[in-house]
Amino acid sequence: MTSVPGGGDQFYGLFEWRRQTLVVRASGGAPRTVPCPDTGRPLRVASVEVSDRGVCPACTQLGAGGYVSFVSDLRLAFACPSCRKLVWINGA
């Protein structure tokens, strides 16, 4: 499990903050790829989902977060509202 440090947009345009607590899918113009946290190579986004009751694998906080899956990659990423970053889950 690795985290991507926030550098302006810690969710790479896939999610946005609303009302300071909720992570939601960004409206329009969401990117089709995000960089791999290990290699920097672009990973194609397969799906983006928002969950009202997600648990962050890094901080274990329950909250409204988002999940991202990728084409030809066995990882998921969780957009954590507490950590305020994408947390990568290997082999999920």
C-alpha atoms as a PDB file:
ATOM      1  CA  MET A   1       0.000   0.000   0.000  1.00  0.00           C
ATOM      2  CA  THR A   2       1.490   3.347  -1.028  1.00  0.00           C
ATOM      3  CA  SER A   3       0.236   6.906  -0.883  1.00  0.00           C
ATOM      4  CA  VAL A   4       0.608   9.616  -3.467  1.00  0.00           C
ATOM      5  CA  PRO A   5       1.743  12.885  -1.898  1.00  0.00           C
ATOM      6  CA  GLY A   6      -0.598  15.781  -2.541  1.00  0.00           C
ATOM      7  CA  GLY A   7       0.772  18.183  -5.089  1.00  0.00           C
ATOM      8  CA  GLY A   8      -2.146  20.461  -5.846  1.00  0.00           C
ATOM      9  CA  ASP A   9      -4.694  17.821  -6.836  1.00  0.00           C
ATOM     10  CA  GLN A  10      -4.164  14.755  -4.706  1.00  0.00           C
ATOM     11  CA  PHE A  11      -7.047  12.985  -6.476  1.00  0.00           C
ATOM     12  CA  TYR A  12      -5.790  13.676 -10.035  1.00  0.00           C
ATOM     13  CA  GLY A  13      -9.116  15.241 -11.029  1.00  0.00           C
ATOM     14  CA  LEU A  14     -11.086  12.038 -10.399  1.00  0.00           C
ATOM     15  CA  PHE A  15     -12.759  13.384  -7.229  1.00  0.00           C
ATOM     16  CA  GLU A  16     -13.375  16.774  -5.660  1.00  0.00           C
ATOM     17  CA  TRP A  17     -14.184  18.128  -2.209  1.00  0.00           C
ATOM     18  CA  ARG A  18     -17.682  19.321  -1.451  1.00  0.00           C
ATOM     19  CA  ARG A  19     -18.797  20.661   1.894  1.00  0.00           C
ATOM     20  CA  GLN A  20     -15.316  19.950   3.312  1.00  0.00           C
ATOM     21  CA  THR A  21     -16.106  16.290   4.040  1.00  0.00           C
ATOM     22  CA  LEU A  22     -17.392  14.460   0.980  1.00  0.00           C
ATOM     23  CA  VAL A  23     -15.234  13.113  -1.824  1.00  0.00           C
ATOM     24  CA  VAL A  24     -17.227  12.909  -5.063  1.00  0.00           C
ATOM     25  CA  ARG A  25     -16.477  12.218  -8.695  1.00  0.00           C
ATOM     26  CA  ALA A  26     -15.368  15.388 -10.435  1.00  0.00           C
ATOM     27  CA  SER A  27     -17.920  16.721 -12.869  1.00  0.00           C
ATOM     28  CA  GLY A  28     -16.822  16.689 -16.504  1.00  0.00           C
ATOM     29  CA  GLY A  29     -13.316  16.414 -17.811  1.00  0.00           C
ATOM     30  CA  ALA A  30     -12.109  13.631 -15.512  1.00  0.00           C
ATOM     31  CA  PRO A  31      -8.800  12.222 -16.752  1.00  0.00           C
ATOM     32  CA  ARG A  32      -8.630   8.833 -18.439  1.00  0.00           C
ATOM     33  CA  THR A  33      -5.212   8.060 -16.944  1.00  0.00           C
ATOM     34  CA  VAL A  34      -3.338   8.711 -13.702  1.00  0.00           C
ATOM     35  CA  PRO A  35       0.376   8.191 -13.053  1.00  0.00           C
ATOM     36  CA  CYS A  36       1.557   5.014 -11.319  1.00  0.00           C
ATOM     37  CA  PRO A  37       2.924   5.999  -7.874  1.00  0.00           C
ATOM     38  CA  ASP A  38       5.949   3.711  -8.358  1.00  0.00           C
ATOM     39  CA  THR A  39       6.959   4.250 -11.991  1.00  0.00           C
ATOM     40  CA  GLY A  40       5.092   7.352 -13.118  1.00  0.00           C
ATOM     41  CA  ARG A  41       3.765   5.552 -16.203  1.00  0.00           C
ATOM     42  CA  PRO A  42       0.132   6.343 -17.084  1.00  0.00           C
ATOM     43  CA  LEU A  43      -2.480   3.862 -15.886  1.00  0.00           C
ATOM     44  CA  ARG A  44      -5.823   3.789 -17.725  1.00  0.00           C
ATOM     45  CA  VAL A  45      -8.787   4.303 -15.405  1.00  0.00           C
ATOM     46  CA  ALA A  46     -11.364   1.499 -15.699  1.00  0.00           C
ATOM     47  CA  SER A  47     -13.940   2.694 -13.159  1.00  0.00           C
ATOM     48  CA  VAL A  48     -14.505   5.385 -10.564  1.00  0.00           C
ATOM     49  CA  GLU A  49     -17.048   4.863  -7.785  1.00  0.00           C
ATOM     50  CA  VAL A  50     -18.095   6.776  -4.691  1.00  0.00           C
ATOM     51  CA  SER A  51     -18.979   4.917  -1.505  1.00  0.00           C
ATOM     52  CA  ASP A  52     -20.796   6.407   1.479  1.00  0.00           C
ATOM     53  CA  ARG A  53     -19.200   3.867   3.801  1.00  0.00           C
ATOM     54  CA  GLY A  54     -15.634   3.244   2.676  1.00  0.00           C
ATOM     55  CA  VAL A  55     -12.777   2.366   5.008  1.00  0.00           C
ATOM     56  CA  CYS A  56      -9.355   3.768   4.210  1.00  0.00           C
ATOM     57  CA  PRO A  57      -6.654   1.077   4.206  1.00  0.00           C
ATOM     58  CA  ALA A  58      -4.069   3.606   5.481  1.00  0.00           C
ATOM     59  CA  CYS A  59      -5.839   5.369   8.365  1.00  0.00           C
ATOM     60  CA  THR A  60      -8.773   2.913   8.856  1.00  0.00           C
ATOM     61  CA  GLN A  61     -11.274   5.786   9.109  1.00  0.00           C
ATOM     62  CA  LEU A  62     -14.832   5.122   7.967  1.00  0.00           C
ATOM     63  CA  GLY A  63     -16.240   7.756   5.636  1.00  0.00           C
ATOM     64  CA  ALA A  64     -17.452   8.727   2.210  1.00  0.00           C
ATOM     65  CA  GLY A  65     -14.588   7.950  -0.146  1.00  0.00           C
ATOM     66  CA  GLY A  66     -13.988   6.818  -3.661  1.00  0.00           C
ATOM     67  CA  TYR A  67     -12.552   3.774  -5.371  1.00  0.00           C
ATOM     68  CA  VAL A  68     -10.615   3.738  -8.639  1.00  0.00           C
ATOM     69  CA  SER A  69      -9.803   0.605 -10.629  1.00  0.00           C
ATOM     70  CA  PHE A  70      -7.439   0.392 -13.581  1.00  0.00           C
ATOM     71  CA  VAL A  71      -7.265  -1.456 -16.897  1.00  0.00           C
ATOM     72  CA  SER A  72      -4.640  -4.253 -16.866  1.00  0.00           C
ATOM     73  CA  ASP A  73      -3.552  -3.458 -13.294  1.00  0.00           C
ATOM     74  CA  LEU A  74      -4.461  -5.443 -10.190  1.00  0.00           C
ATOM     75  CA  ARG A  75      -4.449  -2.459  -7.855  1.00  0.00           C
ATOM     76  CA  LEU A  76      -7.234  -0.250  -6.592  1.00  0.00           C
ATOM     77  CA  ALA A  77      -6.853   3.251  -5.246  1.00  0.00           C
ATOM     78  CA  PHE A  78      -9.013   4.671  -2.456  1.00  0.00           C
ATOM     79  CA  ALA A  79      -9.638   8.416  -2.285  1.00  0.00           C
ATOM     80  CA  CYS A  80      -9.605   9.003   1.451  1.00  0.00           C
ATOM     81  CA  PRO A  81     -11.406  12.043   2.865  1.00  0.00           C
ATOM     82  CA  SER A  82      -9.350  11.843   6.083  1.00  0.00           C
ATOM     83  CA  CYS A  83      -5.895  11.393   4.513  1.00  0.00           C
ATOM     84  CA  ARG A  84      -6.921  13.674   1.613  1.00  0.00           C
ATOM     85  CA  LYS A  85      -5.030  11.594  -0.935  1.00  0.00           C
ATOM     86  CA  LEU A  86      -5.222   8.464  -3.049  1.00  0.00           C
ATOM     87  CA  VAL A  87      -4.134   5.378  -1.152  1.00  0.00           C
ATOM     88  CA  TRP A  88      -3.056   2.526  -3.431  1.00  0.00           C
ATOM     89  CA  ILE A  89      -4.052  -1.050  -2.577  1.00  0.00           C
ATOM     90  CA  ASN A  90      -1.862  -3.737  -4.182  1.00  0.00           C
ATOM     91  CA  GLY A  91      -3.493  -6.875  -5.543  1.00  0.00           C
ATOM     92  CA  ALA A  92      -7.014  -5.958  -4.460  1.00  0.00           C
END
